[in-house]
Amino acid sequence: MRYAIAVVLLAFSGCSDETTQADRQLAVAEVEANQEPPVEVLTPLPIRYPHIEANDLYGAGCSFVPQGGGLGAIALAQANEGYMKRGEEILRFAADKGSRELPYMARRKYDGRDYSFTLELDESERERSGIETTDYPGILTVTDEKDRVVYRASGLVQCGA
């Protein structure tokens, strides 16, 4: 009888180890499946005149220059499309027609394949900078496909034709 009880206890302890090992493997698999890669930091580059000319980016709308960024706009927001430059690639964005309209038919939000961007401007702080241009303080926020912020900066938004 003692021998039978010992065998039963050994059998249960073996199942316990197998169950624990299976539970561990399941837990590890669950953690690995739910891991997200770290947020990619986006560094938009200035869109210079040769890029505008080569990609036919002419038109009325708004452009964004970050504080301390010199004269080169890193985002263009037009009536139907928005543009940014990553490396040597011009990224294209569709205007979100449901978002608020900004001056010169630009939109607040633009959606692209890998990123989206929003352009916030303070219209109460506008300053006329040319015959057909007005400057505003503003903020550009770029998010990835998981809606994580990959770039955010304050700067100058210039709207005009």
Protein backbone atom coordinates (compact mmCIF):
# COMPACT_ATOMS: atom_id res chain seq x y z
CA MET A 1 0.00 0.00 0.00
CA ARG A 2 2.81 2.41 0.86
CA TYR A 3 4.42 1.56 -2.44
CA ALA A 4 1.19 2.44 -4.31
CA ILE A 5 0.90 5.82 -2.56
CA ALA A 6 4.54 6.63 -3.35
CA VAL A 7 4.01 5.77 -7.03
CA VAL A 8 0.87 7.96 -7.18
CA LEU A 9 2.70 10.88 -5.54
CA LEU A 10 5.62 10.53 -7.96
CA ALA A 11 3.21 10.43 -10.89
CA PHE A 12 1.50 13.64 -9.73
CA SER A 13 4.78 15.40 -9.13
CA GLY A 14 5.88 14.51 -12.67
CA CYS A 15 2.65 15.96 -14.07
CA SER A 16 3.19 19.05 -11.99
CA ASP A 17 6.64 19.60 -13.55
CA GLU A 18 5.26 19.05 -17.05
CA THR A 19 2.37 21.41 -16.40
CA THR A 20 4.71 24.05 -15.00
CA GLN A 21 7.01 23.72 -18.01
CA ALA A 22 4.03 23.94 -20.39
CA ASP A 23 2.72 26.98 -18.51
CA ARG A 24 6.13 28.65 -18.78
CA GLN A 25 6.34 27.98 -22.51
CA LEU A 26 2.82 29.36 -22.98
CA ALA A 27 3.67 32.47 -20.95
CA VAL A 28 6.87 33.08 -22.91
CA ALA A 29 5.02 32.66 -26.22
CA GLU A 30 2.36 35.13 -25.08
CA VAL A 31 4.93 37.74 -24.07
CA GLU A 32 6.82 37.35 -27.36
CA ALA A 33 3.58 37.68 -29.36
CA ASN A 34 2.64 40.91 -27.57
CA GLN A 35 5.99 42.66 -27.78
CA GLU A 36 6.02 45.88 -29.78
CA PRO A 37 9.15 47.17 -31.45
CA PRO A 38 10.39 50.48 -30.04
CA VAL A 39 9.07 53.69 -31.54
CA GLU A 40 11.11 54.73 -34.58
CA VAL A 41 12.34 58.29 -34.29
CA LEU A 42 11.59 60.17 -37.49
CA THR A 43 13.90 62.99 -38.55
CA PRO A 44 12.16 64.95 -41.31
CA LEU A 45 14.49 66.83 -43.62
CA PRO A 46 13.91 70.18 -45.33
CA ILE A 47 12.05 70.06 -48.63
CA ARG A 48 14.16 72.35 -50.83
CA TYR A 49 13.26 73.93 -54.15
CA PRO A 50 14.83 71.14 -56.27
CA HIS A 51 12.53 68.63 -54.49
CA ILE A 52 9.51 70.89 -55.02
CA GLU A 53 10.38 71.24 -58.69
CA ALA A 54 11.17 67.54 -59.28
CA ASN A 55 7.97 66.36 -57.52
CA ASP A 56 5.64 69.16 -58.71
CA LEU A 57 4.80 70.24 -55.16
CA TYR A 58 3.62 73.72 -56.14
CA GLY A 59 0.40 75.19 -54.79
CA ALA A 60 -1.32 77.14 -52.09
CA GLY A 61 -1.30 75.83 -48.55
CA CYS A 62 0.84 75.89 -45.42
CA SER A 63 4.42 74.90 -44.68
CA PHE A 64 6.08 74.12 -41.37
CA VAL A 65 9.59 75.09 -40.27
CA PRO A 66 10.71 73.90 -36.80
CA GLN A 67 12.25 76.40 -34.36
CA GLY A 68 15.93 76.68 -35.13
CA GLY A 69 15.39 74.86 -38.43
CA GLY A 70 16.46 77.71 -40.70
CA LEU A 71 14.38 78.44 -43.79
CA GLY A 72 13.68 74.91 -44.99
CA ALA A 73 10.12 73.64 -44.53
CA ILE A 74 9.93 70.03 -43.36
CA ALA A 75 6.20 69.64 -44.06
CA LEU A 76 3.94 70.98 -46.78
CA ALA A 77 0.16 70.94 -46.31
CA GLN A 78 -1.96 71.59 -49.40
CA ALA A 79 -5.64 71.19 -50.26
CA ASN A 80 -5.47 67.53 -51.30
CA GLU A 81 -2.05 66.28 -50.22
CA GLY A 82 0.70 66.84 -47.69
CA TYR A 83 4.41 66.12 -48.07
CA MET A 84 7.43 65.41 -45.90
CA LYS A 85 10.96 64.27 -46.70
CA ARG A 86 12.67 61.26 -45.05
CA GLY A 87 16.19 60.66 -46.34
CA GLU A 88 15.91 61.26 -50.09
CA GLU A 89 12.30 60.04 -50.21
CA ILE A 90 9.35 62.43 -50.49
CA LEU A 91 6.52 61.01 -48.37
CA ARG A 92 3.00 61.71 -49.64
CA PHE A 93 -0.04 62.09 -47.41
CA ALA A 94 -3.73 62.39 -48.24
CA ALA A 95 -5.54 65.36 -46.73
CA ASP A 96 -8.12 64.29 -44.17
CA LYS A 97 -11.13 66.17 -45.55
CA GLY A 98 -12.96 65.65 -42.25
CA SER A 99 -10.33 67.57 -40.31
CA ARG A 100 -10.44 71.32 -39.72
CA GLU A 101 -9.60 73.50 -42.69
CA LEU A 102 -6.61 75.80 -42.23
CA PRO A 103 -5.86 78.93 -44.28
CA TYR A 104 -5.38 78.47 -48.04
CA MET A 105 -7.35 75.20 -48.07
CA ALA A 106 -4.73 73.28 -46.08
CA ARG A 107 -6.05 70.74 -43.57
CA ARG A 108 -5.19 70.02 -39.96
CA LYS A 109 -4.57 66.28 -40.55
CA TYR A 110 -2.89 64.24 -43.29
CA ASP A 111 -2.68 60.44 -43.51
CA GLY A 112 0.05 58.43 -45.23
CA ARG A 113 1.02 54.79 -45.62
CA ASP A 114 3.45 54.68 -42.68
CA TYR A 115 2.79 57.98 -40.90
CA SER A 116 0.16 60.65 -40.29
CA PHE A 117 0.73 64.26 -39.36
CA THR A 118 -1.26 67.05 -37.77
CA LEU A 119 -0.55 70.72 -38.06
CA GLU A 120 -1.77 72.95 -35.24
CA LEU A 121 -1.57 76.70 -35.62
CA ASP A 122 -2.59 79.62 -33.46
CA GLU A 123 -4.62 81.85 -35.77
CA SER A 124 -4.92 84.54 -33.08
CA GLU A 125 -1.14 85.12 -33.30
CA ARG A 126 -0.96 85.61 -37.09
CA GLU A 127 1.48 88.04 -38.63
CA ARG A 128 1.46 89.17 -42.23
CA SER A 129 4.82 88.24 -43.77
CA GLY A 130 4.26 89.00 -47.44
CA ILE A 131 1.68 90.03 -50.02
CA GLU A 132 0.09 86.57 -50.02
CA THR A 133 1.62 84.94 -46.92
CA THR A 134 0.81 84.90 -43.23
CA ASP A 135 2.91 83.38 -40.43
CA TYR A 136 1.54 81.58 -37.37
CA PRO A 137 3.16 79.87 -34.40
CA GLY A 138 2.40 76.17 -34.67
CA ILE A 139 3.13 72.56 -33.80
CA LEU A 140 3.77 69.64 -36.14
CA THR A 141 3.09 66.15 -34.74
CA VAL A 142 3.88 63.00 -36.72
CA THR A 143 2.57 59.60 -35.61
CA ASP A 144 3.26 56.07 -36.83
CA GLU A 145 0.70 53.44 -37.88
CA LYS A 146 0.10 52.59 -34.19
CA ASP A 147 -0.61 56.26 -33.40
CA ARG A 148 2.67 56.66 -31.46
CA VAL A 149 4.39 60.05 -31.71
CA VAL A 150 7.59 59.75 -33.77
CA TYR A 151 8.22 63.50 -34.21
CA ARG A 152 6.87 66.64 -32.57
CA ALA A 153 8.15 70.19 -32.83
CA SER A 154 7.06 73.78 -32.35
CA GLY A 155 7.85 76.27 -35.04
CA LEU A 156 6.56 78.55 -37.75
CA VAL A 157 3.63 77.75 -39.99
CA GLN A 158 3.53 79.91 -43.10
CA CYS A 159 0.35 79.86 -45.16
CA GLY A 160 -0.07 81.41 -48.57
CA ALA A 161 -0.08 81.02 -52.30
